[in-house]
């Protein structure tokens, strides 16, 4: 397993993934309102970026030694 990136970098990556998630949700809403089925692709992208956000948040906590979850 590769070493974890520094906490500052994981926070930045989590923020970028969150921004992509919010933009993808907005694009999906606009797409569905316009009657296009292309919104399905935006929903899938939002799900992927949401998972990436949680992953980087969790990695940042683990790197900083703040992970208090039972399963982590």
Protein backbone atom coordinates (compact mmCIF):
# COMPACT_ATOMS: atom_id res chain seq x y z
CA UNK A 1 0.00 0.00 0.00
CA UNK A 2 1.46 3.41 -0.94
CA UNK A 3 2.24 5.85 1.84
CA UNK A 4 -0.51 8.31 2.75
CA UNK A 5 -0.13 11.89 1.53
CA UNK A 6 0.35 14.69 4.07
CA UNK A 7 -2.79 15.94 5.87
CA UNK A 8 -2.78 19.30 4.08
CA UNK A 9 -2.79 17.59 0.70
CA UNK A 10 -5.61 15.22 1.64
CA UNK A 11 -7.73 18.14 2.88
CA UNK A 12 -7.18 19.93 -0.41
CA UNK A 13 -8.05 16.82 -2.43
CA UNK A 14 -11.17 16.30 -0.32
CA UNK A 15 -12.22 19.89 -0.95
CA UNK A 16 -11.68 19.53 -4.71
CA UNK A 17 -13.70 16.31 -4.76
CA UNK A 18 -16.48 18.01 -2.79
CA UNK A 19 -16.59 20.88 -5.28
CA UNK A 20 -16.81 18.41 -8.16
CA UNK A 21 -19.62 16.59 -6.34
CA UNK A 22 -21.65 19.78 -5.83
CA UNK A 23 -21.14 20.85 -9.44
CA UNK A 24 -22.12 17.40 -10.71
CA UNK A 25 -25.33 17.47 -8.66
CA UNK A 26 -26.16 20.92 -10.04
CA UNK A 27 -25.46 19.73 -13.59
CA UNK A 28 -27.67 16.67 -13.04
CA UNK A 29 -30.55 18.82 -11.80
CA UNK A 30 -30.24 21.17 -14.77
CA UNK A 31 -30.00 18.25 -17.16
CA UNK A 32 -33.09 16.52 -15.78
CA UNK A 33 -35.07 19.77 -15.73
CA UNK A 34 -34.26 20.22 -19.41
CA UNK A 35 -35.52 16.71 -20.08
CA UNK A 36 -32.17 15.15 -20.94
CA UNK A 37 -31.25 11.68 -19.78
CA UNK A 38 -27.60 12.75 -19.75
CA UNK A 39 -28.21 13.64 -16.10
CA UNK A 40 -27.64 9.99 -15.24
CA UNK A 41 -23.96 10.44 -16.07
CA UNK A 42 -23.83 13.47 -13.77
CA UNK A 43 -25.45 11.49 -10.95
CA UNK A 44 -22.84 8.76 -11.35
CA UNK A 45 -20.06 11.35 -11.30
CA UNK A 46 -21.54 12.89 -8.17
CA UNK A 47 -21.54 9.48 -6.46
CA UNK A 48 -17.94 8.84 -7.43
CA UNK A 49 -16.73 12.23 -6.25
CA UNK A 50 -18.70 11.86 -3.02
CA UNK A 51 -16.89 8.60 -2.30
CA UNK A 52 -13.57 10.27 -3.12
CA UNK A 53 -14.38 13.08 -0.69
CA UNK A 54 -15.04 10.65 2.17
CA UNK A 55 -11.92 8.66 1.29
CA UNK A 56 -9.65 11.70 1.44
CA UNK A 57 -11.28 12.98 4.63
CA UNK A 58 -10.68 9.59 6.22
CA UNK A 59 -7.09 9.46 4.97
CA UNK A 60 -6.46 12.94 6.35
CA UNK A 61 -7.78 11.92 9.76
CA UNK A 62 -5.74 8.73 9.74
CA UNK A 63 -2.59 10.61 8.78
CA UNK A 64 -3.17 13.20 11.50
CA UNK A 65 -3.88 10.45 14.04
CA UNK A 66 -7.44 11.64 14.64
CA UNK A 67 -9.31 8.60 13.32
CA UNK A 68 -11.62 7.53 16.16
CA UNK A 69 -13.81 5.08 14.26
CA UNK A 70 -14.09 1.51 15.49
CA UNK A 71 -13.70 -0.04 12.05
CA UNK A 72 -10.90 2.28 10.79
